[in-house]
Every structure is written in C-alpha cells, then in structure tokens.
Amino acid sequence: MARVKCGMLIKLFLLFAIIPLVELYLLLKLASITGVATTIGLVVVTAIIGSVLAKSQGWLAWWRFRNASLAGRIPAAELVDGLLIAFAAALLLTPGLLTDTFGFALLIPTSRRWFRSRMMRYVSANVRVRFIGQPGPGGEPVERHSEIWETTDTGQTIDAEYRPKRTEKLDEPA
C-alpha cells in the first residue's frame, strides 16, 4: 500500500511540477527563436483551434453515446471517448507545446482509439465493480461483485420444450 501511494505521489509531482517547467522552457526557447509575439499568437491560435475541434468532437461523441444508449448497448467506448475529449480540451486551453501536442493527439479519432483501448484495458484489469441494491426479502442489502468481463456461460446447452403442468381451466375470481 505504501508503494502505491509513493508511486502516485511521484506521478503527481511530475504532473504538477516538472511538466509546467518543461513547458515554460519550451515556450521561452520558441520565443527566443521566433519572437514573443509569434509565440503568444501560436498559443492563442492553438487554444482557439483546439476549442473548436473539441466542441465538434464532443458533439460527435455525445451523438454516438446517445445512439448506443437508445440501441440498448452499454456506451462504454463512447463514454471513454467523451472523457478523453474533455481532457484534450483542458490540455489545449493550457498554454504549452507538449500539452497542445497531446491534446491534439486525443482529438484525432484514430489516435484517440489507441488511447481509449489502453485506458479500457487498464480499467478492466485494475477496477472492480460492486453493486448494492435495495434491501432484499430478509431486509439485508442485495450485494453483488462483478468483474467487467465476467460470464456465467458454462458451455452447456439445455434443449427443452415447455408443457404446462395443468391443462384444466382455472376458475375466474368472482
């Protein structure tokens, strides 16, 4: 458990301390080569283009999510796409070259599929789902643990015909 917390702290440190410093260095280096106005213009233009692309991709993901739901399918891939698009929009609004590159990569459908498959594989390997429902007949909550890829198929096929036990008509209530 301590190892997990330490690993997470290192990742958070990299995310919030190292990446902004690298971004600042790259922006200053670009400004020294192309000029301050060009660098600021690039940051503004990527934010505008990114927000327009994120909006269009977001609506497309919402449309796919809605269609999957209406068709009775679980819209897992569509939901992950929506999350990745929202993350891409946040990255594109953050000034920086690395965050913009990663954000644009998340907005391109083919590369987003690659990230989505990795994310879904990680979640299916590391996340367990637990359902708790309303109290059952004994007053205890109904609880069920579920694996994402869990199946109850035993491989047996039972072939049968239905025949009612009683053939006589039941009297209708008065």
N, C-alpha and C. Protein backbone atom coordinates (compact mmCIF):
# COMPACT_ATOMS: atom_id res chain seq x y z
N MET A 1 0.82 -1.19 0.00
CA MET A 1 0.00 0.00 0.00
C MET A 1 0.86 1.25 0.00
N ALA A 2 1.95 1.24 0.77
CA ALA A 2 2.84 2.40 0.81
C ALA A 2 3.50 2.62 -0.54
N ARG A 3 3.76 1.52 -1.24
CA ARG A 3 4.39 1.64 -2.56
C ARG A 3 3.44 2.32 -3.55
N VAL A 4 2.16 1.99 -3.47
CA VAL A 4 1.17 2.59 -4.36
C VAL A 4 1.09 4.09 -4.10
N LYS A 5 1.04 4.49 -2.84
CA LYS A 5 0.96 5.91 -2.50
C LYS A 5 2.20 6.65 -2.95
N CYS A 6 3.37 6.05 -2.79
CA CYS A 6 4.61 6.68 -3.21
C CYS A 6 4.64 6.84 -4.73
N GLY A 7 4.20 5.82 -5.45
CA GLY A 7 4.15 5.90 -6.90
C GLY A 7 3.20 6.98 -7.38
N MET A 8 2.07 7.11 -6.71
CA MET A 8 1.11 8.14 -7.07
C MET A 8 1.67 9.52 -6.77
N LEU A 9 2.37 9.68 -5.67
CA LEU A 9 2.97 10.97 -5.34
C LEU A 9 4.01 11.39 -6.38
N ILE A 10 4.78 10.44 -6.84
CA ILE A 10 5.78 10.74 -7.88
C ILE A 10 5.08 11.17 -9.17
N LYS A 11 4.01 10.47 -9.54
CA LYS A 11 3.27 10.84 -10.75
C LYS A 11 2.66 12.23 -10.62
N LEU A 12 2.09 12.53 -9.47
CA LEU A 12 1.51 13.86 -9.26
C LEU A 12 2.58 14.94 -9.27
N PHE A 13 3.74 14.64 -8.69
CA PHE A 13 4.85 15.60 -8.72
C PHE A 13 5.27 15.88 -10.16
N LEU A 14 5.40 14.82 -10.95
CA LEU A 14 5.75 15.00 -12.36
C LEU A 14 4.69 15.82 -13.10
N LEU A 15 3.45 15.53 -12.80
CA LEU A 15 2.36 16.20 -13.49
C LEU A 15 2.31 17.69 -13.17
N PHE A 16 2.43 18.03 -11.90
CA PHE A 16 2.21 19.42 -11.48
C PHE A 16 3.48 20.25 -11.32
N ALA A 17 4.64 19.65 -11.35
CA ALA A 17 5.88 20.41 -11.17
C ALA A 17 6.80 20.35 -12.39
N ILE A 18 7.08 19.17 -12.84
CA ILE A 18 8.05 19.00 -13.92
C ILE A 18 7.47 19.43 -15.27
N ILE A 19 6.27 18.99 -15.59
CA ILE A 19 5.69 19.31 -16.90
C ILE A 19 5.54 20.82 -17.11
N PRO A 20 5.02 21.59 -16.14
CA PRO A 20 4.97 23.05 -16.36
C PRO A 20 6.34 23.68 -16.56
N LEU A 21 7.35 23.17 -15.86
CA LEU A 21 8.70 23.71 -16.06
C LEU A 21 9.22 23.41 -17.46
N VAL A 22 8.97 22.21 -17.95
CA VAL A 22 9.38 21.85 -19.31
C VAL A 22 8.61 22.70 -20.32
N GLU A 23 7.32 22.88 -20.09
CA GLU A 23 6.50 23.72 -20.98
C GLU A 23 7.03 25.16 -21.02
N LEU A 24 7.36 25.70 -19.85
CA LEU A 24 7.88 27.06 -19.78
C LEU A 24 9.20 27.16 -20.54
N TYR A 25 10.08 26.18 -20.34
CA TYR A 25 11.36 26.17 -21.04
C TYR A 25 11.14 26.16 -22.56
N LEU A 26 10.23 25.28 -23.03
CA LEU A 26 9.98 25.19 -24.48
C LEU A 26 9.38 26.48 -25.03
N LEU A 27 8.47 27.10 -24.29
CA LEU A 27 7.88 28.36 -24.75
C LEU A 27 8.93 29.48 -24.80
N LEU A 28 9.81 29.53 -23.79
CA LEU A 28 10.87 30.55 -23.80
C LEU A 28 11.85 30.30 -24.94
N LYS A 29 12.17 29.04 -25.19
CA LYS A 29 13.07 28.70 -26.29
C LYS A 29 12.44 29.08 -27.63
N LEU A 30 11.15 28.78 -27.80
CA LEU A 30 10.45 29.14 -29.02
C LEU A 30 10.38 30.66 -29.18
N ALA A 31 10.14 31.37 -28.09
CA ALA A 31 10.08 32.84 -28.14
C ALA A 31 11.43 33.43 -28.53
N SER A 32 12.52 32.81 -28.08
CA SER A 32 13.84 33.32 -28.44
C SER A 32 14.16 33.08 -29.92
N ILE A 33 13.55 32.05 -30.50
CA ILE A 33 13.79 31.74 -31.91
C ILE A 33 12.85 32.54 -32.82
N THR A 34 11.56 32.53 -32.50
CA THR A 34 10.57 33.14 -33.41
C THR A 34 10.10 34.52 -32.97
N GLY A 35 10.30 34.86 -31.72
CA GLY A 35 9.81 36.13 -31.21
C GLY A 35 8.65 35.92 -30.25
N VAL A 36 8.48 36.88 -29.36
CA VAL A 36 7.45 36.77 -28.32
C VAL A 36 6.05 36.83 -28.94
N ALA A 37 5.83 37.75 -29.88
CA ALA A 37 4.51 37.90 -30.49
C ALA A 37 4.08 36.63 -31.22
N THR A 38 4.99 36.02 -31.93
CA THR A 38 4.68 34.78 -32.65
C THR A 38 4.34 33.66 -31.68
N THR A 39 5.09 33.57 -30.59
CA THR A 39 4.85 32.52 -29.60
C THR A 39 3.49 32.72 -28.94
N ILE A 40 3.18 33.95 -28.55
CA ILE A 40 1.87 34.23 -27.95
C ILE A 40 0.76 33.95 -28.95
N GLY A 41 0.97 34.35 -30.19
CA GLY A 41 -0.02 34.06 -31.24
C GLY A 41 -0.24 32.58 -31.43
N LEU A 42 0.83 31.81 -31.40
CA LEU A 42 0.72 30.35 -31.53
C LEU A 42 -0.09 29.76 -30.38
N VAL A 43 0.17 30.24 -29.17
CA VAL A 43 -0.57 29.74 -28.00
C VAL A 43 -2.06 30.06 -28.14
N VAL A 44 -2.38 31.28 -28.58
CA VAL A 44 -3.78 31.69 -28.73
C VAL A 44 -4.46 30.90 -29.85
N VAL A 45 -3.77 30.76 -30.98
CA VAL A 45 -4.35 30.05 -32.13
C VAL A 45 -4.60 28.58 -31.79
N THR A 46 -3.66 27.92 -31.12
CA THR A 46 -3.87 26.51 -30.76
C THR A 46 -5.03 26.37 -29.78
N ALA A 47 -5.20 27.34 -28.88
CA ALA A 47 -6.34 27.29 -27.96
C ALA A 47 -7.66 27.44 -28.71
N ILE A 48 -7.70 28.34 -29.68
CA ILE A 48 -8.94 28.55 -30.45
C ILE A 48 -9.25 27.33 -31.31
N ILE A 49 -8.26 26.85 -32.06
CA ILE A 49 -8.47 25.67 -32.91
C ILE A 49 -8.84 24.47 -32.05
N GLY A 50 -8.16 24.31 -30.94
CA GLY A 50 -8.44 23.19 -30.04
C GLY A 50 -9.85 23.23 -29.48
N SER A 51 -10.32 24.42 -29.10
CA SER A 51 -11.67 24.51 -28.54
C SER A 51 -12.73 24.21 -29.61
N VAL A 52 -12.50 24.66 -30.84
CA VAL A 52 -13.45 24.37 -31.93
C VAL A 52 -13.46 22.87 -32.22
N LEU A 53 -12.28 22.27 -32.31
CA LEU A 53 -12.20 20.82 -32.57
C LEU A 53 -12.80 20.01 -31.42
N ALA A 54 -12.51 20.43 -30.19
CA ALA A 54 -13.04 19.72 -29.03
C ALA A 54 -14.57 19.80 -29.00
N LYS A 55 -15.11 20.95 -29.37
CA LYS A 55 -16.56 21.10 -29.40
C LYS A 55 -17.18 20.17 -30.44
N SER A 56 -16.62 20.14 -31.64
CA SER A 56 -17.19 19.29 -32.69
C SER A 56 -17.03 17.80 -32.35
N GLN A 57 -15.86 17.42 -31.85
CA GLN A 57 -15.64 16.03 -31.46
C GLN A 57 -16.50 15.65 -30.26
N GLY A 58 -16.71 16.60 -29.36
CA GLY A 58 -17.56 16.36 -28.20
C GLY A 58 -19.00 16.10 -28.59
N TRP A 59 -19.53 16.90 -29.54
CA TRP A 59 -20.89 16.67 -30.02
C TRP A 59 -21.00 15.32 -30.73
N LEU A 60 -19.98 14.97 -31.49
CA LEU A 60 -19.99 13.68 -32.17
C LEU A 60 -19.98 12.53 -31.16
N ALA A 61 -19.16 12.66 -30.12
CA ALA A 61 -19.12 11.63 -29.07
C ALA A 61 -20.47 11.55 -28.34
N TRP A 62 -21.10 12.71 -28.08
CA TRP A 62 -22.41 12.71 -27.43
C TRP A 62 -23.44 12.01 -28.31
N TRP A 63 -23.41 12.29 -29.62
CA TRP A 63 -24.34 11.66 -30.55
C TRP A 63 -24.16 10.14 -30.55
N ARG A 64 -22.92 9.68 -30.57
CA ARG A 64 -22.64 8.23 -30.54
C ARG A 64 -23.07 7.61 -29.21
N PHE A 65 -22.83 8.34 -28.11
CA PHE A 65 -23.24 7.87 -26.78
C PHE A 65 -24.76 7.71 -26.75
N ARG A 66 -25.46 8.70 -27.24
CA ARG A 66 -26.92 8.69 -27.23
C ARG A 66 -27.46 7.56 -28.11
N ASN A 67 -26.90 7.37 -29.30
CA ASN A 67 -27.35 6.30 -30.19
C ASN A 67 -27.09 4.92 -29.60
N ALA A 68 -25.94 4.76 -28.95
CA ALA A 68 -25.65 3.47 -28.31
C ALA A 68 -26.64 3.20 -27.18
N SER A 69 -26.95 4.22 -26.41
CA SER A 69 -27.91 4.07 -25.31
C SER A 69 -29.30 3.73 -25.85
N LEU A 70 -29.72 4.43 -26.89
CA LEU A 70 -31.05 4.17 -27.47
C LEU A 70 -31.12 2.79 -28.11
N ALA A 71 -29.99 2.28 -28.58
CA ALA A 71 -29.95 0.94 -29.18
C ALA A 71 -29.89 -0.16 -28.13
N GLY A 72 -29.78 0.24 -26.86
CA GLY A 72 -29.73 -0.75 -25.79
C GLY A 72 -28.35 -1.29 -25.49
N ARG A 73 -27.33 -0.68 -26.06
CA ARG A 73 -25.96 -1.11 -25.79
C ARG A 73 -25.37 -0.27 -24.67
N ILE A 74 -24.43 -0.84 -23.94
CA ILE A 74 -23.72 -0.08 -22.93
C ILE A 74 -22.69 0.79 -23.65
N PRO A 75 -22.78 2.11 -23.52
CA PRO A 75 -21.90 3.01 -24.29
C PRO A 75 -20.55 3.24 -23.62
N ALA A 76 -19.83 2.17 -23.32
CA ALA A 76 -18.55 2.30 -22.61
C ALA A 76 -17.51 3.03 -23.45
N ALA A 77 -17.33 2.63 -24.70
CA ALA A 77 -16.33 3.27 -25.55
C ALA A 77 -16.69 4.73 -25.80
N GLU A 78 -17.97 5.00 -25.98
CA GLU A 78 -18.41 6.37 -26.22
C GLU A 78 -18.19 7.25 -25.00
N LEU A 79 -18.40 6.67 -23.82
CA LEU A 79 -18.16 7.42 -22.58
C LEU A 79 -16.68 7.74 -22.41
N VAL A 80 -15.83 6.77 -22.68
CA VAL A 80 -14.38 7.00 -22.58
C VAL A 80 -13.94 8.03 -23.61
N ASP A 81 -14.52 7.97 -24.81
CA ASP A 81 -14.22 9.00 -25.82
C ASP A 81 -14.57 10.39 -25.30
N GLY A 82 -15.72 10.52 -24.69
CA GLY A 82 -16.13 11.81 -24.14
C GLY A 82 -15.17 12.31 -23.07
N LEU A 83 -14.72 11.40 -22.21
CA LEU A 83 -13.75 11.79 -21.17
C LEU A 83 -12.42 12.22 -21.79
N LEU A 84 -11.97 11.48 -22.79
CA LEU A 84 -10.71 11.83 -23.45
C LEU A 84 -10.81 13.16 -24.19
N ILE A 85 -11.96 13.43 -24.78
CA ILE A 85 -12.16 14.71 -25.48
C ILE A 85 -12.17 15.86 -24.47
N ALA A 86 -12.82 15.67 -23.33
CA ALA A 86 -12.82 16.72 -22.30
C ALA A 86 -11.41 16.96 -21.78
N PHE A 87 -10.64 15.89 -21.60
CA PHE A 87 -9.25 16.03 -21.16
C PHE A 87 -8.43 16.75 -22.22
N ALA A 88 -8.67 16.42 -23.49
CA ALA A 88 -7.96 17.08 -24.59
C ALA A 88 -8.27 18.57 -24.61
N ALA A 89 -9.53 18.93 -24.38
CA ALA A 89 -9.91 20.35 -24.36
C ALA A 89 -9.18 21.09 -23.24
N ALA A 90 -9.09 20.46 -22.08
CA ALA A 90 -8.36 21.09 -20.96
C ALA A 90 -6.89 21.26 -21.30
N LEU A 91 -6.30 20.26 -21.94
CA LEU A 91 -4.89 20.36 -22.33
C LEU A 91 -4.66 21.45 -23.36
N LEU A 92 -5.59 21.59 -24.30
CA LEU A 92 -5.42 22.59 -25.35
C LEU A 92 -5.63 24.02 -24.84
N LEU A 93 -6.38 24.18 -23.78
CA LEU A 93 -6.56 25.51 -23.20
C LEU A 93 -5.40 25.90 -22.30
N THR A 94 -4.58 24.91 -21.93
CA THR A 94 -3.38 25.17 -21.13
C THR A 94 -2.26 25.57 -22.07
N PRO A 95 -1.61 26.72 -21.84
CA PRO A 95 -0.52 27.13 -22.74
C PRO A 95 0.66 26.17 -22.65
N GLY A 96 1.14 25.75 -23.79
CA GLY A 96 2.31 24.87 -23.83
C GLY A 96 2.33 24.04 -25.09
N LEU A 97 3.52 23.64 -25.47
CA LEU A 97 3.68 22.85 -26.69
C LEU A 97 3.40 21.37 -26.47
N LEU A 98 3.87 20.83 -25.34
CA LEU A 98 3.64 19.41 -25.06
C LEU A 98 2.17 19.13 -24.81
N THR A 99 1.53 19.99 -24.00
CA THR A 99 0.11 19.77 -23.71
C THR A 99 -0.74 19.93 -24.96
N ASP A 100 -0.37 20.87 -25.84
CA ASP A 100 -1.10 21.03 -27.10
C ASP A 100 -0.93 19.81 -28.00
N THR A 101 0.28 19.30 -28.08
CA THR A 101 0.53 18.12 -28.91
C THR A 101 -0.28 16.93 -28.41
N PHE A 102 -0.26 16.70 -27.11
CA PHE A 102 -1.01 15.59 -26.53
C PHE A 102 -2.51 15.82 -26.68
N GLY A 103 -2.95 17.06 -26.49
CA GLY A 103 -4.37 17.39 -26.64
C GLY A 103 -4.87 17.15 -28.06
N PHE A 104 -4.09 17.60 -29.06
CA PHE A 104 -4.48 17.36 -30.45
C PHE A 104 -4.47 15.87 -30.77
N ALA A 105 -3.53 15.13 -30.19
CA ALA A 105 -3.50 13.68 -30.41
C ALA A 105 -4.77 13.01 -29.88
N LEU A 106 -5.30 13.53 -28.77
CA LEU A 106 -6.53 12.97 -28.22
C LEU A 106 -7.76 13.35 -29.04
N LEU A 107 -7.67 14.42 -29.81
CA LEU A 107 -8.81 14.83 -30.63
C LEU A 107 -8.88 14.12 -31.97
N ILE A 108 -7.79 13.53 -32.40
CA ILE A 108 -7.77 12.78 -33.66
C ILE A 108 -8.38 11.40 -33.39
N PRO A 109 -9.46 11.04 -34.08
CA PRO A 109 -10.16 9.79 -33.75
C PRO A 109 -9.28 8.53 -33.77
N THR A 110 -8.35 8.41 -34.72
CA THR A 110 -7.54 7.19 -34.77
C THR A 110 -6.60 7.08 -33.57
N SER A 111 -5.96 8.18 -33.20
CA SER A 111 -5.08 8.11 -32.03
C SER A 111 -5.89 8.03 -30.75
N ARG A 112 -7.08 8.64 -30.73
CA ARG A 112 -7.94 8.53 -29.54
C ARG A 112 -8.38 7.09 -29.32
N ARG A 113 -8.64 6.35 -30.41
CA ARG A 113 -8.98 4.92 -30.28
C ARG A 113 -7.85 4.16 -29.60
N TRP A 114 -6.61 4.50 -29.95
CA TRP A 114 -5.46 3.83 -29.34
C TRP A 114 -5.42 4.12 -27.84
N PHE A 115 -5.58 5.40 -27.46
CA PHE A 115 -5.60 5.76 -26.04
C PHE A 115 -6.79 5.12 -25.33
N ARG A 116 -7.94 5.09 -26.00
CA ARG A 116 -9.14 4.51 -25.40
C ARG A 116 -8.94 3.03 -25.12
N SER A 117 -8.35 2.30 -26.07
CA SER A 117 -8.14 0.87 -25.84
C SER A 117 -7.18 0.63 -24.68
N ARG A 118 -6.14 1.45 -24.56
CA ARG A 118 -5.21 1.31 -23.43
C ARG A 118 -5.91 1.63 -22.11
N MET A 119 -6.72 2.69 -22.12
CA MET A 119 -7.42 3.09 -20.90
C MET A 119 -8.43 2.02 -20.48
N MET A 120 -9.18 1.48 -21.43
CA MET A 120 -10.17 0.45 -21.09
C MET A 120 -9.50 -0.84 -20.62
N ARG A 121 -8.36 -1.16 -21.21
CA ARG A 121 -7.62 -2.34 -20.77
C ARG A 121 -7.13 -2.15 -19.33
N TYR A 122 -6.63 -0.95 -19.03
CA TYR A 122 -6.15 -0.66 -17.67
C TYR A 122 -7.31 -0.74 -16.67
N VAL A 123 -8.43 -0.14 -17.02
CA VAL A 123 -9.58 -0.13 -16.12
C VAL A 123 -10.10 -1.54 -15.90
N SER A 124 -10.20 -2.33 -16.97
CA SER A 124 -10.72 -3.69 -16.81
C SER A 124 -9.77 -4.56 -15.99
N ALA A 125 -8.49 -4.26 -16.00
CA ALA A 125 -7.54 -5.05 -15.21
C ALA A 125 -7.44 -4.58 -13.77
N ASN A 126 -7.75 -3.32 -13.49
CA ASN A 126 -7.49 -2.77 -12.17
C ASN A 126 -8.71 -2.28 -11.39
N VAL A 127 -9.87 -2.25 -12.01
CA VAL A 127 -11.05 -1.73 -11.33
C VAL A 127 -12.06 -2.85 -11.14
N ARG A 128 -12.57 -2.97 -9.94
CA ARG A 128 -13.62 -3.94 -9.63
C ARG A 128 -14.90 -3.16 -9.35
N VAL A 129 -16.00 -3.70 -9.83
CA VAL A 129 -17.29 -3.03 -9.67
C VAL A 129 -18.08 -3.77 -8.61
N ARG A 130 -18.76 -3.02 -7.75
CA ARG A 130 -19.57 -3.60 -6.69
C ARG A 130 -20.94 -2.96 -6.75
N PHE A 131 -21.97 -3.77 -6.84
CA PHE A 131 -23.34 -3.28 -6.91
C PHE A 131 -24.02 -3.53 -5.57
N ILE A 132 -24.70 -2.55 -5.06
CA ILE A 132 -25.51 -2.71 -3.86
C ILE A 132 -26.88 -2.16 -4.18
N GLY A 133 -27.90 -3.00 -4.00
CA GLY A 133 -29.25 -2.58 -4.33
C GLY A 133 -30.12 -2.39 -3.10
N GLN A 134 -31.41 -2.32 -3.33
CA GLN A 134 -32.38 -2.16 -2.26
C GLN A 134 -32.41 -3.42 -1.40
N PRO A 135 -32.86 -3.29 -0.14
CA PRO A 135 -32.92 -4.48 0.72
C PRO A 135 -33.76 -5.59 0.10
N GLY A 136 -33.27 -6.81 0.26
CA GLY A 136 -33.97 -7.98 -0.26
C GLY A 136 -35.03 -8.44 0.72
N PRO A 137 -35.58 -9.65 0.50
CA PRO A 137 -36.66 -10.14 1.36
C PRO A 137 -36.26 -10.27 2.83
N GLY A 138 -35.02 -10.55 3.13
CA GLY A 138 -34.59 -10.69 4.51
C GLY A 138 -34.22 -9.37 5.16
N GLY A 139 -34.34 -8.28 4.44
CA GLY A 139 -34.01 -6.97 4.99
C GLY A 139 -32.56 -6.56 4.77
N GLU A 140 -31.75 -7.48 4.25
CA GLU A 140 -30.34 -7.18 4.01
C GLU A 140 -30.18 -6.58 2.61
N PRO A 141 -29.22 -5.67 2.44
CA PRO A 141 -28.99 -5.12 1.10
C PRO A 141 -28.53 -6.20 0.13
N VAL A 142 -29.01 -6.11 -1.08
CA VAL A 142 -28.58 -7.03 -2.13
C VAL A 142 -27.21 -6.56 -2.60
N GLU A 143 -26.24 -7.46 -2.58
CA GLU A 143 -24.88 -7.08 -2.93
C GLU A 143 -24.33 -8.07 -3.94
N ARG A 144 -23.62 -7.55 -4.91
CA ARG A 144 -23.05 -8.41 -5.94
C ARG A 144 -21.74 -7.81 -6.40
N HIS A 145 -20.73 -8.63 -6.50
CA HIS A 145 -19.45 -8.20 -7.05
C HIS A 145 -19.42 -8.61 -8.50
N SER A 146 -18.84 -7.78 -9.32
CA SER A 146 -18.84 -8.08 -10.74
C SER A 146 -17.49 -7.78 -11.35
N GLU A 147 -17.02 -8.67 -12.18
CA GLU A 147 -15.85 -8.43 -13.00
C GLU A 147 -16.35 -7.85 -14.31
N ILE A 148 -15.58 -7.01 -14.93
CA ILE A 148 -16.03 -6.39 -16.16
C ILE A 148 -16.24 -7.44 -17.26
N TRP A 149 -15.39 -8.44 -17.31
CA TRP A 149 -15.51 -9.45 -18.36
C TRP A 149 -16.11 -10.74 -17.82
N GLU A 150 -16.82 -10.67 -16.71
CA GLU A 150 -17.38 -11.85 -16.08
C GLU A 150 -18.45 -12.49 -16.97
N THR A 151 -18.49 -13.81 -16.98
CA THR A 151 -19.52 -14.50 -17.75
C THR A 151 -20.08 -15.63 -16.90
N THR A 152 -21.34 -15.96 -17.13
CA THR A 152 -21.96 -17.07 -16.42
C THR A 152 -22.18 -18.25 -17.35
N ASP A 153 -21.66 -18.21 -18.54
CA ASP A 153 -21.83 -19.27 -19.52
C ASP A 153 -21.01 -20.48 -19.11
N THR A 154 -21.69 -21.64 -18.97
CA THR A 154 -20.98 -22.87 -18.59
C THR A 154 -20.65 -23.72 -19.80
N GLY A 155 -21.13 -23.32 -20.98
CA GLY A 155 -20.86 -24.09 -22.18
C GLY A 155 -21.90 -25.17 -22.44
N GLN A 156 -22.85 -25.39 -21.52
CA GLN A 156 -23.88 -26.40 -21.70
C GLN A 156 -25.10 -25.78 -22.36
N THR A 157 -25.71 -26.55 -23.24
CA THR A 157 -26.96 -26.12 -23.87
C THR A 157 -28.06 -27.03 -23.38
N ILE A 158 -29.13 -26.45 -22.89
CA ILE A 158 -30.27 -27.22 -22.42
C ILE A 158 -31.39 -27.02 -23.44
N ASP A 159 -31.80 -28.12 -24.07
CA ASP A 159 -32.86 -28.05 -25.06
C ASP A 159 -34.09 -28.68 -24.44
N ALA A 160 -35.17 -27.93 -24.37
CA ALA A 160 -36.38 -28.44 -23.74
C ALA A 160 -37.60 -27.82 -24.40
N GLU A 161 -38.73 -28.50 -24.18
CA GLU A 161 -40.00 -27.95 -24.64
C GLU A 161 -40.83 -27.62 -23.42
N TYR A 162 -41.62 -26.59 -23.56
CA TYR A 162 -42.47 -26.17 -22.45
C TYR A 162 -43.83 -26.85 -22.57
N ARG A 163 -44.27 -27.47 -21.48
CA ARG A 163 -45.62 -28.02 -21.39
C ARG A 163 -46.20 -27.59 -20.06
N PRO A 164 -47.38 -27.01 -20.08
CA PRO A 164 -47.96 -26.61 -18.79
C PRO A 164 -48.29 -27.83 -17.95
N LYS A 165 -48.16 -27.71 -16.63
CA LYS A 165 -48.46 -28.83 -15.74
C LYS A 165 -49.96 -29.10 -15.69
N ARG A 166 -50.74 -28.01 -15.65
CA ARG A 166 -52.19 -28.18 -15.59
C ARG A 166 -52.80 -27.82 -16.93
N THR A 167 -53.75 -28.62 -17.32
CA THR A 167 -54.43 -28.32 -18.57
C THR A 167 -55.84 -27.82 -18.33
N GLU A 168 -56.37 -28.03 -17.10
CA GLU A 168 -57.73 -27.57 -16.83
C GLU A 168 -57.73 -26.06 -16.64
N LYS A 169 -58.86 -25.46 -16.93
CA LYS A 169 -59.01 -24.03 -16.79
C LYS A 169 -59.18 -23.68 -15.33
N LEU A 170 -58.59 -22.60 -14.94
CA LEU A 170 -58.78 -22.12 -13.58
C LEU A 170 -60.05 -21.29 -13.54
N ASP A 171 -60.76 -21.40 -12.43
CA ASP A 171 -61.97 -20.59 -12.27
C ASP A 171 -61.59 -19.13 -12.16
N GLU A 172 -62.36 -18.30 -12.81
CA GLU A 172 -62.09 -16.87 -12.73
C GLU A 172 -62.59 -16.36 -11.39
N PRO A 173 -61.86 -15.41 -10.79
CA PRO A 173 -62.32 -14.89 -9.50
C PRO A 173 -63.64 -14.12 -9.65
N ALA A 174 -64.43 -14.22 -8.62
CA ALA A 174 -65.74 -13.57 -8.66
C ALA A 174 -65.68 -12.12 -8.32
